[in-house]
Amino acid sequence: MTEIWPVEPPVAGTEQEHLVGMLDRLRATFRWKAGGLDAEQLARRTTTSALTLGGLLKHLTYVEDIKLSWAFEQEPGEPWRSVDWDADPDWEFRTAALDSPAELYSRYDRAVSTARRRLTELLDEGGLDMPTARQWQGQTVLLRRIVCDLVEEYGRHTGHADLIREAIDGLVGEDPPEGWQPS
């Protein structure tokens, strides 16, 4: 399936269509903000914060790779499984500059594609009310909460990407322009 850019959530739809549409819009906007940069630009710090667009790309790759796996007690793949997160909780941010732009972009795009496909399967199987394998505060976590967590994670980091990208090359805007494609 070919993506149509920009991604727009429905104006009238179900709760599920709105949540998934918003998640996909945030994914597209983030990818646009982080896209087309070289290694130096991806590693550039623009404020006192250690955040970089490369670090955000690798972090959101991690989030995409583990969120649904974690919720359904599946083992995350590499490189995540081998990281000592207790010793290095910011590993993905710290190590992003060691990866080439091509690696960062392809891993991110693959992780999003896999997560999107898995989420579609889970929603078809049980909808937003599908229970996960996780408990929190004595309650079973529902798939709805996982989707909302993903929307929240992307909302936060797309805002970061907005500011960083503008400082790098002046790119501004809310959505990818008509006809934009990831590069």
C-alpha atoms as a PDB file:
ATOM      1  CA  MET A   1       0.000   0.000   0.000  1.00  0.00           C
ATOM      2  CA  THR A   2       1.325   3.433  -0.941  1.00  0.00           C
ATOM      3  CA  GLU A   3       1.107   6.079   1.747  1.00  0.00           C
ATOM      4  CA  ILE A   4      -0.700   9.293   0.874  1.00  0.00           C
ATOM      5  CA  TRP A   5       0.920  12.380   2.382  1.00  0.00           C
ATOM      6  CA  PRO A   6      -0.019  14.281   4.357  1.00  0.00           C
ATOM      7  CA  VAL A   7      -1.877  11.876   6.616  1.00  0.00           C
ATOM      8  CA  GLU A   8      -5.132  13.262   7.937  1.00  0.00           C
ATOM      9  CA  PRO A   9      -7.301  11.626  10.621  1.00  0.00           C
ATOM     10  CA  PRO A  10     -10.995  11.322   9.800  1.00  0.00           C
ATOM     11  CA  VAL A  11     -13.237  14.266  10.591  1.00  0.00           C
ATOM     12  CA  ALA A  12     -16.067  11.879  11.427  1.00  0.00           C
ATOM     13  CA  GLY A  13     -15.127   8.371  12.492  1.00  0.00           C
ATOM     14  CA  THR A  14     -15.032   5.907  15.309  1.00  0.00           C
ATOM     15  CA  GLU A  15     -12.832   6.301  18.363  1.00  0.00           C
ATOM     16  CA  GLN A  16     -10.492   3.693  16.897  1.00  0.00           C
ATOM     17  CA  GLU A  17     -10.283   5.474  13.531  1.00  0.00           C
ATOM     18  CA  HIS A  18      -9.545   8.780  15.267  1.00  0.00           C
ATOM     19  CA  LEU A  19      -6.828   7.354  17.524  1.00  0.00           C
ATOM     20  CA  VAL A  20      -5.084   5.420  14.762  1.00  0.00           C
ATOM     21  CA  GLY A  21      -5.463   8.375  12.385  1.00  0.00           C
ATOM     22  CA  MET A  22      -3.918  10.741  14.921  1.00  0.00           C
ATOM     23  CA  LEU A  23      -1.065   8.316  15.575  1.00  0.00           C
ATOM     24  CA  ASP A  24      -0.366   8.005  11.848  1.00  0.00           C
ATOM     25  CA  ARG A  25      -0.508  11.792  11.399  1.00  0.00           C
ATOM     26  CA  LEU A  26       2.009  12.257  14.215  1.00  0.00           C
ATOM     27  CA  ARG A  27       4.237   9.534  12.757  1.00  0.00           C
ATOM     28  CA  ALA A  28       4.174  11.253   9.353  1.00  0.00           C
ATOM     29  CA  THR A  29       4.827  14.696  10.806  1.00  0.00           C
ATOM     30  CA  PHE A  30       7.703  13.385  12.913  1.00  0.00           C
ATOM     31  CA  ARG A  31       9.224  11.550   9.920  1.00  0.00           C
ATOM     32  CA  TRP A  32       8.982  14.717   7.831  1.00  0.00           C
ATOM     33  CA  LYS A  33      10.627  16.814  10.554  1.00  0.00           C
ATOM     34  CA  ALA A  34      13.458  14.290  10.953  1.00  0.00           C
ATOM     35  CA  GLY A  35      13.836  13.467   7.264  1.00  0.00           C
ATOM     36  CA  GLY A  36      16.464  14.206   4.668  1.00  0.00           C
ATOM     37  CA  LEU A  37      19.306  15.124   7.008  1.00  0.00           C
ATOM     38  CA  ASP A  38      22.944  14.110   7.015  1.00  0.00           C
ATOM     39  CA  ALA A  39      24.863  12.578   9.936  1.00  0.00           C
ATOM     40  CA  GLU A  40      26.052  15.912  11.288  1.00  0.00           C
ATOM     41  CA  GLN A  41      22.554  17.392  11.235  1.00  0.00           C
ATOM     42  CA  LEU A  42      21.023  14.301  12.867  1.00  0.00           C
ATOM     43  CA  ALA A  43      23.607  14.504  15.665  1.00  0.00           C
ATOM     44  CA  ARG A  44      23.391  18.276  16.149  1.00  0.00           C
ATOM     45  CA  ARG A  45      22.343  19.606  19.529  1.00  0.00           C
ATOM     46  CA  THR A  46      20.539  22.914  19.179  1.00  0.00           C
ATOM     47  CA  THR A  47      20.003  23.769  22.849  1.00  0.00           C
ATOM     48  CA  THR A  48      21.396  22.790  26.212  1.00  0.00           C
ATOM     49  CA  SER A  49      19.308  19.612  25.888  1.00  0.00           C
ATOM     50  CA  ALA A  50      21.086  16.479  24.697  1.00  0.00           C
ATOM     51  CA  LEU A  51      18.190  15.742  22.329  1.00  0.00           C
ATOM     52  CA  THR A  52      19.017  15.343  18.660  1.00  0.00           C
ATOM     53  CA  LEU A  53      16.872  14.331  15.722  1.00  0.00           C
ATOM     54  CA  GLY A  54      18.962  11.178  15.354  1.00  0.00           C
ATOM     55  CA  GLY A  55      18.397  10.363  19.009  1.00  0.00           C
ATOM     56  CA  LEU A  56      14.667  10.942  18.619  1.00  0.00           C
ATOM     57  CA  LEU A  57      14.592   8.717  15.521  1.00  0.00           C
ATOM     58  CA  LYS A  58      16.310   5.897  17.396  1.00  0.00           C
ATOM     59  CA  HIS A  59      14.160   6.400  20.499  1.00  0.00           C
ATOM     60  CA  LEU A  60      10.909   6.264  18.525  1.00  0.00           C
ATOM     61  CA  THR A  61      12.209   3.207  16.674  1.00  0.00           C
ATOM     62  CA  TYR A  62      12.626   1.618  20.097  1.00  0.00           C
ATOM     63  CA  VAL A  63       9.122   2.694  21.155  1.00  0.00           C
ATOM     64  CA  GLU A  64       7.609   1.277  17.953  1.00  0.00           C
ATOM     65  CA  ASP A  65       9.553  -1.979  18.317  1.00  0.00           C
ATOM     66  CA  ILE A  66       8.793  -2.645  21.979  1.00  0.00           C
ATOM     67  CA  LYS A  67       5.420  -1.089  22.875  1.00  0.00           C
ATOM     68  CA  LEU A  68       3.178  -3.813  21.452  1.00  0.00           C
ATOM     69  CA  SER A  69       5.740  -6.527  22.193  1.00  0.00           C
ATOM     70  CA  TRP A  70       5.890  -5.451  25.829  1.00  0.00           C
ATOM     71  CA  ALA A  71       2.109  -5.297  26.106  1.00  0.00           C
ATOM     72  CA  PHE A  72       1.694  -8.850  24.842  1.00  0.00           C
ATOM     73  CA  GLU A  73       4.773 -10.324  26.559  1.00  0.00           C
ATOM     74  CA  GLN A  74       6.737 -10.886  23.397  1.00  0.00           C
ATOM     75  CA  GLU A  75      10.493 -10.633  23.402  1.00  0.00           C
ATOM     76  CA  PRO A  76      11.760  -7.441  21.742  1.00  0.00           C
ATOM     77  CA  GLY A  77      14.296  -7.951  18.992  1.00  0.00           C
ATOM     78  CA  GLU A  78      17.819  -6.673  18.699  1.00  0.00           C
ATOM     79  CA  PRO A  79      19.404  -4.360  19.475  1.00  0.00           C
ATOM     80  CA  TRP A  80      16.936  -3.689  22.310  1.00  0.00           C
ATOM     81  CA  ARG A  81      17.185  -7.115  23.923  1.00  0.00           C
ATOM     82  CA  SER A  82      20.942  -6.820  24.508  1.00  0.00           C
ATOM     83  CA  VAL A  83      20.928  -3.335  26.053  1.00  0.00           C
ATOM     84  CA  ASP A  84      21.501  -3.057  29.793  1.00  0.00           C
ATOM     85  CA  TRP A  85      18.778  -0.440  30.323  1.00  0.00           C
ATOM     86  CA  ASP A  86      19.473  -0.171  34.060  1.00  0.00           C
ATOM     87  CA  ALA A  87      23.104   0.765  33.415  1.00  0.00           C
ATOM     88  CA  ASP A  88      22.376   2.966  30.367  1.00  0.00           C
ATOM     89  CA  PRO A  89      18.731   4.169  30.361  1.00  0.00           C
ATOM     90  CA  ASP A  90      19.421   6.675  27.555  1.00  0.00           C
ATOM     91  CA  TRP A  91      21.249   4.180  25.344  1.00  0.00           C
ATOM     92  CA  GLU A  92      19.228   4.904  22.204  1.00  0.00           C
ATOM     93  CA  PHE A  93      19.769   8.665  22.535  1.00  0.00           C
ATOM     94  CA  ARG A  94      23.454   8.268  23.354  1.00  0.00           C
ATOM     95  CA  THR A  95      24.272   5.818  20.549  1.00  0.00           C
ATOM     96  CA  ALA A  96      22.274   7.321  17.671  1.00  0.00           C
ATOM     97  CA  ALA A  97      25.274   9.305  16.409  1.00  0.00           C
ATOM     98  CA  LEU A  98      27.084   5.994  15.852  1.00  0.00           C
ATOM     99  CA  ASP A  99      24.467   4.957  13.278  1.00  0.00           C
ATOM    100  CA  SER A 100      24.417   6.221   9.704  1.00  0.00           C
ATOM    101  CA  PRO A 101      21.443   8.289   8.534  1.00  0.00           C
ATOM    102  CA  ALA A 102      20.452   5.410   6.230  1.00  0.00           C
ATOM    103  CA  GLU A 103      20.412   2.999   9.206  1.00  0.00           C
ATOM    104  CA  LEU A 104      18.404   5.386  11.391  1.00  0.00           C
ATOM    105  CA  TYR A 105      15.814   6.059   8.698  1.00  0.00           C
ATOM    106  CA  SER A 106      15.450   2.462   7.503  1.00  0.00           C
ATOM    107  CA  ARG A 107      15.134   1.048  11.038  1.00  0.00           C
ATOM    108  CA  TYR A 108      12.559   3.678  11.936  1.00  0.00           C
ATOM    109  CA  ASP A 109      10.532   3.135   8.741  1.00  0.00           C
ATOM    110  CA  ARG A 110      10.625  -0.649   9.231  1.00  0.00           C
ATOM    111  CA  ALA A 111       9.611  -0.361  12.889  1.00  0.00           C
ATOM    112  CA  VAL A 112       6.654   1.881  12.022  1.00  0.00           C
ATOM    113  CA  SER A 113       5.541  -0.428   9.224  1.00  0.00           C
ATOM    114  CA  THR A 114       5.752  -3.491  11.485  1.00  0.00           C
ATOM    115  CA  ALA A 115       3.988  -1.759  14.396  1.00  0.00           C
ATOM    116  CA  ARG A 116       1.242  -0.439  12.105  1.00  0.00           C
ATOM    117  CA  ARG A 117       0.636  -3.935  10.716  1.00  0.00           C
ATOM    118  CA  ARG A 118       0.665  -5.498  14.214  1.00  0.00           C
ATOM    119  CA  LEU A 119      -1.690  -2.854  15.593  1.00  0.00           C
ATOM    120  CA  THR A 120      -4.109  -3.442  12.712  1.00  0.00           C
ATOM    121  CA  GLU A 121      -4.072  -7.192  13.445  1.00  0.00           C
ATOM    122  CA  LEU A 122      -4.686  -6.622  17.160  1.00  0.00           C
ATOM    123  CA  LEU A 123      -7.498  -4.146  16.538  1.00  0.00           C
ATOM    124  CA  ASP A 124      -9.126  -6.586  14.082  1.00  0.00           C
ATOM    125  CA  GLU A 125      -8.779  -9.332  16.687  1.00  0.00           C
ATOM    126  CA  GLY A 126     -10.094  -7.518  19.752  1.00  0.00           C
ATOM    127  CA  GLY A 127     -10.523  -3.780  19.217  1.00  0.00           C
ATOM    128  CA  LEU A 128      -9.412  -1.089  21.617  1.00  0.00           C
ATOM    129  CA  ASP A 129     -10.897  -3.011  24.559  1.00  0.00           C
ATOM    130  CA  MET A 130      -8.572  -5.966  23.964  1.00  0.00           C
ATOM    131  CA  PRO A 131      -6.763  -6.790  27.221  1.00  0.00           C
ATOM    132  CA  THR A 132      -2.985  -6.934  27.106  1.00  0.00           C
ATOM    133  CA  ALA A 133      -0.770  -9.184  29.206  1.00  0.00           C
ATOM    134  CA  ARG A 134       0.146  -6.236  31.447  1.00  0.00           C
ATOM    135  CA  GLN A 135      -1.220  -5.149  34.779  1.00  0.00           C
ATOM    136  CA  TRP A 136      -0.922  -1.664  36.221  1.00  0.00           C
ATOM    137  CA  GLN A 137      -2.315  -0.506  39.547  1.00  0.00           C
ATOM    138  CA  GLY A 138      -4.230  -3.762  39.861  1.00  0.00           C
ATOM    139  CA  GLN A 139      -5.955  -3.444  36.486  1.00  0.00           C
ATOM    140  CA  THR A 140      -5.399  -5.104  33.147  1.00  0.00           C
ATOM    141  CA  VAL A 141      -3.995  -2.657  30.616  1.00  0.00           C
ATOM    142  CA  LEU A 142      -6.193  -2.418  27.515  1.00  0.00           C
ATOM    143  CA  LEU A 143      -4.946  -1.932  23.968  1.00  0.00           C
ATOM    144  CA  ARG A 144      -6.628   1.498  24.075  1.00  0.00           C
ATOM    145  CA  ARG A 145      -4.098   2.597  26.703  1.00  0.00           C
ATOM    146  CA  ILE A 146      -1.179   1.409  24.544  1.00  0.00           C
ATOM    147  CA  VAL A 147      -2.488   3.379  21.552  1.00  0.00           C
ATOM    148  CA  CYS A 148      -3.017   6.467  23.730  1.00  0.00           C
ATOM    149  CA  ASP A 149       0.526   6.065  25.097  1.00  0.00           C
ATOM    150  CA  LEU A 150       1.871   5.988  21.536  1.00  0.00           C
ATOM    151  CA  VAL A 151      -0.069   9.153  20.625  1.00  0.00           C
ATOM    152  CA  GLU A 152       1.277  10.874  23.746  1.00  0.00           C
ATOM    153  CA  GLU A 153       4.860   9.754  23.041  1.00  0.00           C
ATOM    154  CA  TYR A 154       4.701  11.036  19.471  1.00  0.00           C
ATOM    155  CA  GLY A 155       3.034  14.288  20.517  1.00  0.00           C
ATOM    156  CA  ARG A 156       5.864  15.082  22.895  1.00  0.00           C
ATOM    157  CA  HIS A 157       8.682  14.130  20.551  1.00  0.00           C
ATOM    158  CA  THR A 158       7.170  15.676  17.424  1.00  0.00           C
ATOM    159  CA  GLY A 159       7.170  18.971  19.326  1.00  0.00           C
ATOM    160  CA  HIS A 160      10.835  18.447  20.150  1.00  0.00           C
ATOM    161  CA  ALA A 161      11.553  17.627  16.500  1.00  0.00           C
ATOM    162  CA  ASP A 162       9.763  20.822  15.425  1.00  0.00           C
ATOM    163  CA  LEU A 163      12.088  22.987  17.482  1.00  0.00           C
ATOM    164  CA  ILE A 164      15.269  21.105  16.632  1.00  0.00           C
ATOM    165  CA  ARG A 165      14.570  21.043  12.880  1.00  0.00           C
ATOM    166  CA  GLU A 166      13.759  24.741  12.752  1.00  0.00           C
ATOM    167  CA  ALA A 167      17.088  25.478  14.460  1.00  0.00           C
ATOM    168  CA  ILE A 168      18.970  23.246  11.989  1.00  0.00           C
ATOM    169  CA  ASP A 169      17.678  24.576   8.682  1.00  0.00           C
ATOM    170  CA  GLY A 170      14.582  26.704   9.256  1.00  0.00           C
ATOM    171  CA  LEU A 171      12.036  24.031   8.245  1.00  0.00           C
ATOM    172  CA  VAL A 172       8.676  24.952   9.777  1.00  0.00           C
ATOM    173  CA  GLY A 173       5.103  23.784   9.349  1.00  0.00           C
ATOM    174  CA  GLU A 174       2.526  21.572  10.941  1.00  0.00           C
ATOM    175  CA  ASP A 175       2.195  18.841   8.317  1.00  0.00           C
ATOM    176  CA  PRO A 176       4.279  17.461   5.481  1.00  0.00           C
ATOM    177  CA  PRO A 177       3.533  19.329   2.254  1.00  0.00           C
ATOM    178  CA  GLU A 178       1.223  17.781  -0.319  1.00  0.00           C
ATOM    179  CA  GLY A 179       3.049  15.037  -2.201  1.00  0.00           C
ATOM    180  CA  TRP A 180       5.882  14.696   0.331  1.00  0.00           C
ATOM    181  CA  GLN A 181       7.470  11.250   0.531  1.00  0.00           C
ATOM    182  CA  PRO A 182      10.042   9.997   3.060  1.00  0.00           C
ATOM    183  CA  SER A 183      13.551   9.947   1.665  1.00  0.00           C
END
